[in-house]
N, C-alpha and C. Protein backbone atom coordinates (compact mmCIF):
# COMPACT_ATOMS: atom_id res chain seq x y z
N ALA A 1 123.69 106.18 86.70
CA ALA A 1 123.01 107.42 87.04
C ALA A 1 121.70 107.10 87.75
N ARG A 2 121.31 107.97 88.60
CA ARG A 2 120.09 107.80 89.38
C ARG A 2 118.90 108.35 88.60
N ALA A 3 117.77 107.62 88.60
CA ALA A 3 116.58 108.06 87.88
C ALA A 3 115.90 109.20 88.62
N SER A 4 115.36 110.16 87.89
CA SER A 4 114.62 111.27 88.49
C SER A 4 113.22 110.80 88.86
N GLY A 5 112.53 111.59 89.69
CA GLY A 5 111.16 111.27 90.07
C GLY A 5 110.26 111.13 88.86
N ALA A 6 110.45 112.00 87.87
CA ALA A 6 109.63 111.95 86.65
C ALA A 6 109.89 110.66 85.88
N GLN A 7 111.16 110.22 85.82
CA GLN A 7 111.48 108.98 85.10
C GLN A 7 110.86 107.77 85.80
N VAL A 8 110.91 107.75 87.12
CA VAL A 8 110.33 106.64 87.87
C VAL A 8 108.83 106.60 87.64
N ILE A 9 108.17 107.75 87.70
CA ILE A 9 106.72 107.81 87.49
C ILE A 9 106.36 107.31 86.10
N LEU A 10 107.18 107.64 85.10
CA LEU A 10 106.95 107.17 83.74
C LEU A 10 106.90 105.64 83.69
N TYR A 11 107.77 104.99 84.44
CA TYR A 11 107.78 103.53 84.49
C TYR A 11 106.56 102.97 85.20
N LEU A 12 105.98 103.75 86.09
CA LEU A 12 104.86 103.28 86.91
C LEU A 12 103.49 103.64 86.34
N CYS A 13 103.43 104.29 85.19
CA CYS A 13 102.16 104.81 84.67
C CYS A 13 101.05 103.77 84.56
N GLY A 14 101.39 102.53 84.29
CA GLY A 14 100.37 101.49 84.16
C GLY A 14 100.06 100.78 85.46
N ALA A 15 100.73 101.15 86.54
CA ALA A 15 100.56 100.46 87.82
C ALA A 15 99.15 100.64 88.36
N ARG A 16 98.62 99.58 88.94
CA ARG A 16 97.31 99.64 89.59
C ARG A 16 97.44 99.63 91.11
N ARG A 17 98.58 99.11 91.61
CA ARG A 17 98.83 99.08 93.05
C ARG A 17 100.27 99.51 93.30
N LEU A 18 100.44 100.37 94.31
CA LEU A 18 101.77 100.86 94.64
C LEU A 18 101.92 100.88 96.16
N THR A 19 102.98 100.24 96.64
CA THR A 19 103.26 100.22 98.07
C THR A 19 104.55 100.97 98.34
N LEU A 20 104.43 102.07 99.08
CA LEU A 20 105.58 102.89 99.47
C LEU A 20 105.65 103.02 100.99
N SER A 21 105.07 102.07 101.69
CA SER A 21 105.06 102.10 103.16
C SER A 21 106.47 101.88 103.70
N ASN A 22 106.68 102.37 104.93
CA ASN A 22 107.93 102.14 105.67
C ASN A 22 109.16 102.69 104.97
N ASN A 23 109.06 103.90 104.45
CA ASN A 23 110.18 104.50 103.72
C ASN A 23 110.61 105.86 104.23
N SER A 24 110.07 106.33 105.33
CA SER A 24 110.41 107.65 105.89
C SER A 24 110.16 108.79 104.91
N LEU A 25 109.20 108.63 104.03
CA LEU A 25 108.88 109.69 103.06
C LEU A 25 108.23 110.87 103.77
N SER A 26 108.69 112.07 103.45
CA SER A 26 108.07 113.26 104.01
C SER A 26 107.29 114.03 102.95
N SER A 27 107.45 113.65 101.70
CA SER A 27 106.71 114.27 100.60
C SER A 27 106.67 113.30 99.43
N LEU A 28 105.88 113.66 98.44
CA LEU A 28 105.79 112.88 97.21
C LEU A 28 106.02 113.82 96.04
N PRO A 29 106.60 113.32 94.95
CA PRO A 29 106.82 114.20 93.80
C PRO A 29 105.49 114.58 93.14
N PRO A 30 105.39 115.78 92.60
CA PRO A 30 104.15 116.22 91.94
C PRO A 30 103.74 115.27 90.81
N GLU A 31 104.73 114.59 90.22
CA GLU A 31 104.43 113.67 89.11
C GLU A 31 103.56 112.49 89.53
N MET A 32 103.42 112.26 90.83
CA MET A 32 102.56 111.16 91.31
C MET A 32 101.14 111.31 90.78
N GLY A 33 100.72 112.53 90.57
CA GLY A 33 99.36 112.78 90.07
C GLY A 33 99.11 112.20 88.69
N ALA A 34 100.18 111.79 87.99
CA ALA A 34 100.05 111.22 86.64
C ALA A 34 99.69 109.73 86.67
N LEU A 35 99.69 109.11 87.84
CA LEU A 35 99.40 107.67 87.92
C LEU A 35 97.89 107.42 87.91
N GLN A 36 97.27 107.72 86.80
CA GLN A 36 95.82 107.71 86.71
C GLN A 36 95.18 106.32 86.72
N ARG A 37 95.96 105.27 86.56
CA ARG A 37 95.42 103.90 86.63
C ARG A 37 95.51 103.32 88.03
N LEU A 38 96.18 104.03 88.91
CA LEU A 38 96.41 103.54 90.26
C LEU A 38 95.10 103.40 91.02
N ARG A 39 94.87 102.20 91.56
CA ARG A 39 93.65 101.94 92.34
C ARG A 39 93.94 101.78 93.83
N SER A 40 95.15 101.35 94.17
CA SER A 40 95.50 101.05 95.55
C SER A 40 96.87 101.65 95.87
N LEU A 41 96.90 102.51 96.91
CA LEU A 41 98.14 103.18 97.28
C LEU A 41 98.37 103.02 98.78
N HIS A 42 99.52 102.45 99.12
CA HIS A 42 99.90 102.18 100.51
C HIS A 42 101.07 103.09 100.88
N LEU A 43 100.81 104.01 101.80
CA LEU A 43 101.83 104.97 102.25
C LEU A 43 101.96 104.97 103.78
N ALA A 44 101.62 103.86 104.41
CA ALA A 44 101.66 103.79 105.86
C ALA A 44 103.09 103.85 106.38
N ASN A 45 103.20 104.35 107.62
CA ASN A 45 104.47 104.39 108.33
C ASN A 45 105.55 105.14 107.57
N ASN A 46 105.23 106.38 107.24
CA ASN A 46 106.19 107.30 106.64
C ASN A 46 106.26 108.54 107.54
N SER A 47 106.68 109.66 106.99
CA SER A 47 106.79 110.89 107.77
C SER A 47 106.01 112.03 107.14
N LEU A 48 104.91 111.71 106.49
CA LEU A 48 104.08 112.74 105.84
C LEU A 48 103.39 113.58 106.91
N THR A 49 103.42 114.89 106.74
CA THR A 49 102.76 115.80 107.68
C THR A 49 101.46 116.35 107.11
N GLU A 50 101.24 116.12 105.83
CA GLU A 50 99.99 116.50 105.18
C GLU A 50 99.70 115.48 104.09
N LEU A 51 98.44 115.40 103.71
CA LEU A 51 98.09 114.52 102.61
C LEU A 51 98.58 115.21 101.34
N PRO A 52 99.56 114.62 100.66
CA PRO A 52 100.14 115.28 99.48
C PRO A 52 99.11 115.59 98.40
N ALA A 53 99.15 116.80 97.89
CA ALA A 53 98.19 117.26 96.89
C ALA A 53 98.11 116.35 95.67
N PRO A 54 99.23 115.80 95.15
CA PRO A 54 99.13 114.93 93.97
C PRO A 54 98.21 113.71 94.19
N LEU A 55 98.06 113.28 95.43
CA LEU A 55 97.19 112.12 95.69
C LEU A 55 95.74 112.42 95.33
N CYS A 56 95.34 113.66 95.50
CA CYS A 56 93.96 114.03 95.22
C CYS A 56 93.66 114.13 93.73
N GLN A 57 94.67 113.89 92.90
CA GLN A 57 94.48 113.84 91.44
C GLN A 57 94.29 112.41 90.95
N LEU A 58 94.44 111.44 91.83
CA LEU A 58 94.38 110.02 91.45
C LEU A 58 92.92 109.56 91.46
N ARG A 59 92.21 109.88 90.43
CA ARG A 59 90.75 109.69 90.41
C ARG A 59 90.29 108.25 90.31
N SER A 60 91.19 107.31 90.02
CA SER A 60 90.82 105.90 89.98
C SER A 60 91.07 105.21 91.31
N LEU A 61 91.62 105.93 92.27
CA LEU A 61 92.00 105.35 93.55
C LEU A 61 90.77 104.85 94.31
N THR A 62 90.82 103.58 94.74
CA THR A 62 89.75 103.02 95.57
C THR A 62 90.23 102.71 96.98
N PHE A 63 91.56 102.60 97.17
CA PHE A 63 92.14 102.26 98.47
C PHE A 63 93.31 103.19 98.75
N LEU A 64 93.29 103.85 99.92
CA LEU A 64 94.39 104.72 100.31
C LEU A 64 94.70 104.49 101.79
N ASP A 65 95.93 104.07 102.07
CA ASP A 65 96.38 103.87 103.44
C ASP A 65 97.51 104.85 103.74
N VAL A 66 97.21 105.85 104.55
CA VAL A 66 98.21 106.81 105.01
C VAL A 66 98.32 106.77 106.54
N SER A 67 98.07 105.59 107.10
CA SER A 67 98.17 105.40 108.54
C SER A 67 99.61 105.56 109.01
N ASP A 68 99.73 105.88 110.28
CA ASP A 68 101.04 105.93 110.92
C ASP A 68 101.99 106.93 110.26
N ASN A 69 101.48 108.12 110.03
CA ASN A 69 102.28 109.23 109.55
C ASN A 69 102.14 110.35 110.57
N ARG A 70 102.31 111.57 110.15
CA ARG A 70 102.14 112.73 111.04
C ARG A 70 101.16 113.73 110.42
N ILE A 71 100.24 113.23 109.64
CA ILE A 71 99.32 114.08 108.88
C ILE A 71 98.44 114.89 109.82
N GLY A 72 98.49 116.20 109.67
CA GLY A 72 97.71 117.10 110.51
C GLY A 72 96.50 117.68 109.80
N THR A 73 96.52 117.68 108.47
CA THR A 73 95.40 118.25 107.71
C THR A 73 95.10 117.41 106.47
N ILE A 74 93.85 117.46 106.09
CA ILE A 74 93.38 116.82 104.86
C ILE A 74 92.91 117.95 103.95
N PRO A 75 93.42 118.04 102.73
CA PRO A 75 92.99 119.13 101.84
C PRO A 75 91.55 118.94 101.37
N SER A 76 90.89 120.04 101.08
CA SER A 76 89.52 119.94 100.58
C SER A 76 89.46 119.24 99.22
N SER A 77 90.60 119.20 98.52
CA SER A 77 90.63 118.52 97.21
C SER A 77 90.47 117.01 97.33
N ILE A 78 90.39 116.48 98.55
CA ILE A 78 90.14 115.04 98.72
C ILE A 78 88.80 114.66 98.09
N ARG A 79 87.92 115.63 97.94
CA ARG A 79 86.61 115.36 97.34
C ARG A 79 86.72 114.82 95.91
N HIS A 80 87.87 115.02 95.27
CA HIS A 80 88.06 114.53 93.90
C HIS A 80 88.27 113.02 93.84
N LEU A 81 88.50 112.39 94.97
CA LEU A 81 88.71 110.93 95.01
C LEU A 81 87.36 110.22 95.11
N GLU A 82 86.52 110.45 94.13
CA GLU A 82 85.14 109.99 94.16
C GLU A 82 84.98 108.48 94.17
N LYS A 83 85.98 107.74 93.71
CA LYS A 83 85.89 106.27 93.68
C LYS A 83 86.45 105.63 94.95
N LEU A 84 86.97 106.43 95.86
CA LEU A 84 87.61 105.92 97.05
C LEU A 84 86.62 105.12 97.90
N GLU A 85 86.99 103.88 98.22
CA GLU A 85 86.16 102.99 99.04
C GLU A 85 86.74 102.79 100.43
N THR A 86 88.08 102.84 100.53
CA THR A 86 88.75 102.62 101.81
C THR A 86 89.76 103.75 102.05
N LEU A 87 89.63 104.39 103.20
CA LEU A 87 90.55 105.46 103.60
C LEU A 87 91.01 105.18 105.03
N LEU A 88 92.31 104.89 105.16
CA LEU A 88 92.87 104.55 106.46
C LEU A 88 93.76 105.70 106.94
N LEU A 89 93.33 106.35 108.01
CA LEU A 89 94.03 107.53 108.55
C LEU A 89 94.42 107.33 110.02
N LEU A 90 94.53 106.10 110.47
CA LEU A 90 94.89 105.81 111.86
C LEU A 90 96.26 106.36 112.23
N PHE A 91 96.44 106.68 113.49
CA PHE A 91 97.74 107.08 114.03
C PHE A 91 98.38 108.23 113.24
N ASN A 92 97.64 109.33 113.15
CA ASN A 92 98.15 110.56 112.56
C ASN A 92 97.98 111.68 113.58
N SER A 93 97.96 112.91 113.13
CA SER A 93 97.83 114.07 114.03
C SER A 93 96.64 114.93 113.64
N LEU A 94 95.60 114.32 113.09
CA LEU A 94 94.43 115.06 112.64
C LEU A 94 93.66 115.67 113.80
N LYS A 95 93.39 116.97 113.72
CA LYS A 95 92.58 117.65 114.72
C LYS A 95 91.16 117.86 114.21
N SER A 96 91.01 117.83 112.88
CA SER A 96 89.69 117.99 112.29
C SER A 96 89.68 117.34 110.90
N LEU A 97 88.49 117.13 110.41
CA LEU A 97 88.30 116.63 109.05
C LEU A 97 87.54 117.67 108.26
N PRO A 98 87.90 117.89 107.01
CA PRO A 98 87.11 118.83 106.22
C PRO A 98 85.76 118.22 105.85
N GLU A 99 84.77 119.05 105.69
CA GLU A 99 83.44 118.57 105.26
C GLU A 99 83.54 117.80 103.94
N ASP A 100 84.59 118.09 103.16
CA ASP A 100 84.76 117.45 101.85
C ASP A 100 84.89 115.93 101.95
N VAL A 101 85.36 115.42 103.08
CA VAL A 101 85.45 113.97 103.27
C VAL A 101 84.06 113.36 103.17
N CYS A 102 83.06 114.10 103.59
CA CYS A 102 81.68 113.61 103.57
C CYS A 102 81.10 113.52 102.16
N LEU A 103 81.82 114.03 101.18
CA LEU A 103 81.40 113.94 99.78
C LEU A 103 81.88 112.64 99.13
N LEU A 104 82.67 111.86 99.85
CA LEU A 104 83.20 110.60 99.31
C LEU A 104 82.14 109.51 99.50
N ARG A 105 81.15 109.53 98.65
CA ARG A 105 79.96 108.68 98.80
C ARG A 105 80.23 107.18 98.66
N ASN A 106 81.36 106.81 98.07
CA ASN A 106 81.67 105.39 97.89
C ASN A 106 82.47 104.79 99.05
N LEU A 107 82.77 105.61 100.07
CA LEU A 107 83.54 105.10 101.20
C LEU A 107 82.77 104.00 101.93
N HIS A 108 83.41 102.85 102.07
CA HIS A 108 82.85 101.74 102.84
C HIS A 108 83.63 101.57 104.14
N THR A 109 84.91 101.97 104.12
CA THR A 109 85.77 101.81 105.28
C THR A 109 86.51 103.12 105.54
N LEU A 110 86.39 103.61 106.77
CA LEU A 110 87.05 104.85 107.17
C LEU A 110 87.60 104.66 108.58
N TRP A 111 88.90 104.59 108.68
CA TRP A 111 89.54 104.41 109.98
C TRP A 111 90.20 105.71 110.39
N LEU A 112 89.74 106.27 111.50
CA LEU A 112 90.23 107.56 112.01
C LEU A 112 90.84 107.43 113.39
N GLY A 113 91.03 106.22 113.86
CA GLY A 113 91.48 105.99 115.23
C GLY A 113 92.83 106.61 115.54
N ASN A 114 92.99 106.97 116.82
CA ASN A 114 94.25 107.48 117.36
C ASN A 114 94.77 108.71 116.63
N ASN A 115 93.91 109.69 116.53
CA ASN A 115 94.26 111.01 116.04
C ASN A 115 93.97 112.00 117.18
N HIS A 116 93.67 113.24 116.86
CA HIS A 116 93.36 114.25 117.87
C HIS A 116 91.99 114.88 117.58
N LEU A 117 91.09 114.11 117.00
CA LEU A 117 89.78 114.63 116.60
C LEU A 117 88.89 114.89 117.81
N ARG A 118 88.38 116.10 117.92
CA ARG A 118 87.44 116.45 118.98
C ARG A 118 86.00 116.39 118.48
N SER A 119 85.83 116.53 117.18
CA SER A 119 84.49 116.47 116.60
C SER A 119 84.60 115.94 115.17
N LEU A 120 83.46 115.63 114.62
CA LEU A 120 83.37 115.17 113.24
C LEU A 120 82.57 116.20 112.46
N PRO A 121 82.75 116.25 111.14
CA PRO A 121 81.97 117.22 110.35
C PRO A 121 80.47 117.00 110.57
N THR A 122 79.72 118.08 110.51
CA THR A 122 78.27 117.98 110.73
C THR A 122 77.58 117.13 109.67
N THR A 123 78.18 117.01 108.50
CA THR A 123 77.58 116.22 107.42
C THR A 123 78.12 114.78 107.38
N PHE A 124 78.76 114.35 108.46
CA PHE A 124 79.37 113.02 108.50
C PHE A 124 78.37 111.91 108.23
N GLY A 125 77.13 112.11 108.60
CA GLY A 125 76.09 111.11 108.38
C GLY A 125 75.78 110.85 106.92
N LYS A 126 76.29 111.70 106.02
CA LYS A 126 76.07 111.49 104.59
C LYS A 126 76.90 110.35 104.04
N LEU A 127 77.83 109.84 104.83
CA LEU A 127 78.63 108.70 104.40
C LEU A 127 77.80 107.43 104.61
N VAL A 128 76.80 107.26 103.77
CA VAL A 128 75.80 106.22 103.97
C VAL A 128 76.30 104.81 103.68
N ASN A 129 77.42 104.66 103.02
CA ASN A 129 77.93 103.32 102.73
C ASN A 129 78.78 102.74 103.85
N LEU A 130 79.05 103.53 104.90
CA LEU A 130 79.73 102.97 106.07
C LEU A 130 78.72 102.08 106.79
N ASP A 131 79.20 101.01 107.39
CA ASP A 131 78.29 100.05 108.03
C ASP A 131 77.77 100.50 109.38
N TRP A 132 78.37 101.52 109.99
CA TRP A 132 77.90 102.11 111.25
C TRP A 132 77.63 101.08 112.33
N GLY A 133 78.59 100.20 112.56
CA GLY A 133 78.45 99.30 113.69
C GLY A 133 78.06 97.90 113.32
N TYR A 134 77.51 97.71 112.14
CA TYR A 134 77.17 96.36 111.71
C TYR A 134 78.44 95.60 111.38
N ASN A 135 79.43 96.30 110.90
CA ASN A 135 80.74 95.72 110.60
C ASN A 135 81.76 96.58 111.32
N TYR A 136 82.29 96.07 112.43
CA TYR A 136 83.18 96.87 113.26
C TYR A 136 84.35 97.43 112.47
N CYS A 137 84.77 96.74 111.46
CA CYS A 137 85.93 97.18 110.69
C CYS A 137 85.62 98.35 109.76
N SER A 138 84.36 98.70 109.59
CA SER A 138 83.98 99.72 108.64
C SER A 138 84.38 101.13 109.04
N CYS A 139 84.19 101.47 110.30
CA CYS A 139 84.45 102.83 110.75
C CYS A 139 85.03 102.79 112.15
N ASN A 140 86.12 103.51 112.35
CA ASN A 140 86.81 103.43 113.63
C ASN A 140 87.20 104.84 114.08
N PHE A 141 86.79 105.19 115.32
CA PHE A 141 87.13 106.49 115.90
C PHE A 141 87.95 106.36 117.16
N GLU A 142 88.28 105.16 117.58
CA GLU A 142 88.92 104.91 118.87
C GLU A 142 90.16 105.78 119.10
N GLY A 143 90.35 106.16 120.35
CA GLY A 143 91.56 106.87 120.73
C GLY A 143 91.61 108.33 120.31
N ASN A 144 90.46 108.94 120.09
CA ASN A 144 90.38 110.37 119.78
C ASN A 144 89.72 111.08 120.95
N PRO A 145 90.00 112.34 121.15
CA PRO A 145 89.31 113.08 122.21
C PRO A 145 87.94 113.60 121.75
N LEU A 146 87.17 112.76 121.03
CA LEU A 146 85.85 113.16 120.55
C LEU A 146 84.96 113.58 121.72
N GLU A 147 84.29 114.68 121.56
CA GLU A 147 83.42 115.18 122.61
C GLU A 147 81.96 114.95 122.28
N SER A 148 81.60 115.11 121.03
CA SER A 148 80.20 114.88 120.66
C SER A 148 80.11 114.58 119.17
N PRO A 149 79.82 113.35 118.84
CA PRO A 149 79.64 113.02 117.43
C PRO A 149 78.33 113.60 116.91
N PRO A 150 78.21 113.79 115.61
CA PRO A 150 76.96 114.30 115.06
C PRO A 150 75.79 113.35 115.39
N PRO A 151 74.59 113.90 115.63
CA PRO A 151 73.43 113.07 116.01
C PRO A 151 73.15 111.93 115.04
N GLU A 152 73.32 112.17 113.74
CA GLU A 152 73.02 111.11 112.78
C GLU A 152 73.97 109.94 112.90
N VAL A 153 75.16 110.18 113.43
CA VAL A 153 76.10 109.08 113.65
C VAL A 153 75.61 108.24 114.82
N CYS A 154 75.23 108.88 115.92
CA CYS A 154 74.76 108.15 117.10
C CYS A 154 73.50 107.35 116.80
N SER A 155 72.62 107.87 115.97
CA SER A 155 71.38 107.16 115.69
C SER A 155 71.61 105.91 114.85
N ARG A 156 72.74 105.85 114.14
CA ARG A 156 73.03 104.68 113.30
C ARG A 156 73.90 103.65 113.98
N VAL A 157 74.64 104.07 114.99
CA VAL A 157 75.60 103.17 115.63
C VAL A 157 74.88 102.19 116.53
N THR A 158 75.14 100.90 116.32
CA THR A 158 74.55 99.87 117.18
C THR A 158 75.55 99.38 118.20
N GLU A 159 76.81 99.59 117.96
CA GLU A 159 77.86 99.16 118.88
C GLU A 159 78.59 100.40 119.37
N MET A 160 78.40 100.75 120.63
CA MET A 160 79.06 101.94 121.15
C MET A 160 80.57 101.75 121.28
N ASP A 161 81.07 100.53 121.04
CA ASP A 161 82.51 100.30 121.05
C ASP A 161 83.21 101.15 120.00
N LEU A 162 82.49 101.59 118.99
CA LEU A 162 83.10 102.44 117.98
C LEU A 162 83.71 103.69 118.60
N PHE A 163 83.15 104.10 119.72
CA PHE A 163 83.59 105.33 120.37
C PHE A 163 84.44 105.07 121.61
N SER A 164 84.82 103.83 121.87
CA SER A 164 85.58 103.56 123.09
C SER A 164 86.92 104.30 123.06
N ALA A 165 87.42 104.58 124.22
CA ALA A 165 88.68 105.31 124.40
C ALA A 165 88.60 106.73 123.85
N ASN A 166 87.42 107.29 123.78
CA ASN A 166 87.25 108.69 123.42
C ASN A 166 86.86 109.44 124.69
N GLN A 167 86.61 110.72 124.59
CA GLN A 167 86.24 111.50 125.76
C GLN A 167 84.83 112.05 125.61
N LEU A 168 83.93 111.18 125.16
CA LEU A 168 82.55 111.61 124.99
C LEU A 168 81.94 111.95 126.34
N HIS A 169 81.21 113.05 126.38
CA HIS A 169 80.50 113.41 127.60
C HIS A 169 79.21 112.61 127.62
N LYS A 170 78.92 111.94 128.73
CA LYS A 170 77.75 111.05 128.79
C LYS A 170 76.48 111.77 128.37
N GLN A 171 76.30 112.99 128.83
CA GLN A 171 75.06 113.68 128.49
C GLN A 171 74.93 113.90 126.97
N ASN A 172 76.03 114.16 126.30
CA ASN A 172 75.97 114.36 124.85
C ASN A 172 75.53 113.09 124.13
N VAL A 173 76.11 111.97 124.48
CA VAL A 173 75.78 110.71 123.81
C VAL A 173 74.34 110.35 124.05
N PHE A 174 73.88 110.44 125.30
CA PHE A 174 72.53 110.00 125.61
C PHE A 174 71.47 110.98 125.14
N GLN A 175 71.81 112.24 124.97
CA GLN A 175 70.88 113.20 124.39
C GLN A 175 70.68 112.92 122.91
N LEU A 176 71.70 112.37 122.27
CA LEU A 176 71.67 112.17 120.83
C LEU A 176 71.03 110.86 120.42
N VAL A 177 71.06 109.86 121.29
CA VAL A 177 70.57 108.53 120.93
C VAL A 177 69.07 108.49 120.98
């Protein structure tokens, strides 16, 4: 007999790392929210169109990779992932980010490259633990149609390569620096 989603989750309750990448997943069972010891979750290269709500219940999560999906929206409940240090959202369909992402004060790495972002939340500068150009791997916006990043982002960035392959208007960038 085949195990149900609830039975599988029961077996995984003590797991600290879970890799479900490359599985064509389009959703996750609600029982995923019960994996309260989970610190690292890899869901890259699936078919998710939204960040599944149960993920926002995983309060011990420090690493989340949902790159290479079709995610178009991030729920405001992402703010509950207060321990999150790394969030990888590359190659999705994001058109905007909720201000709630800016409440993730422990974020050290945020990759947003190759989405459809035209702007960033006005409170984006509150993500003070991002290296802002000192460590290129810390924050990535490449390949988005960004038009004008928030002024506090421009004042912290030392490497303008962070914004390469975007559609920044020259006057906006130079007015902000």
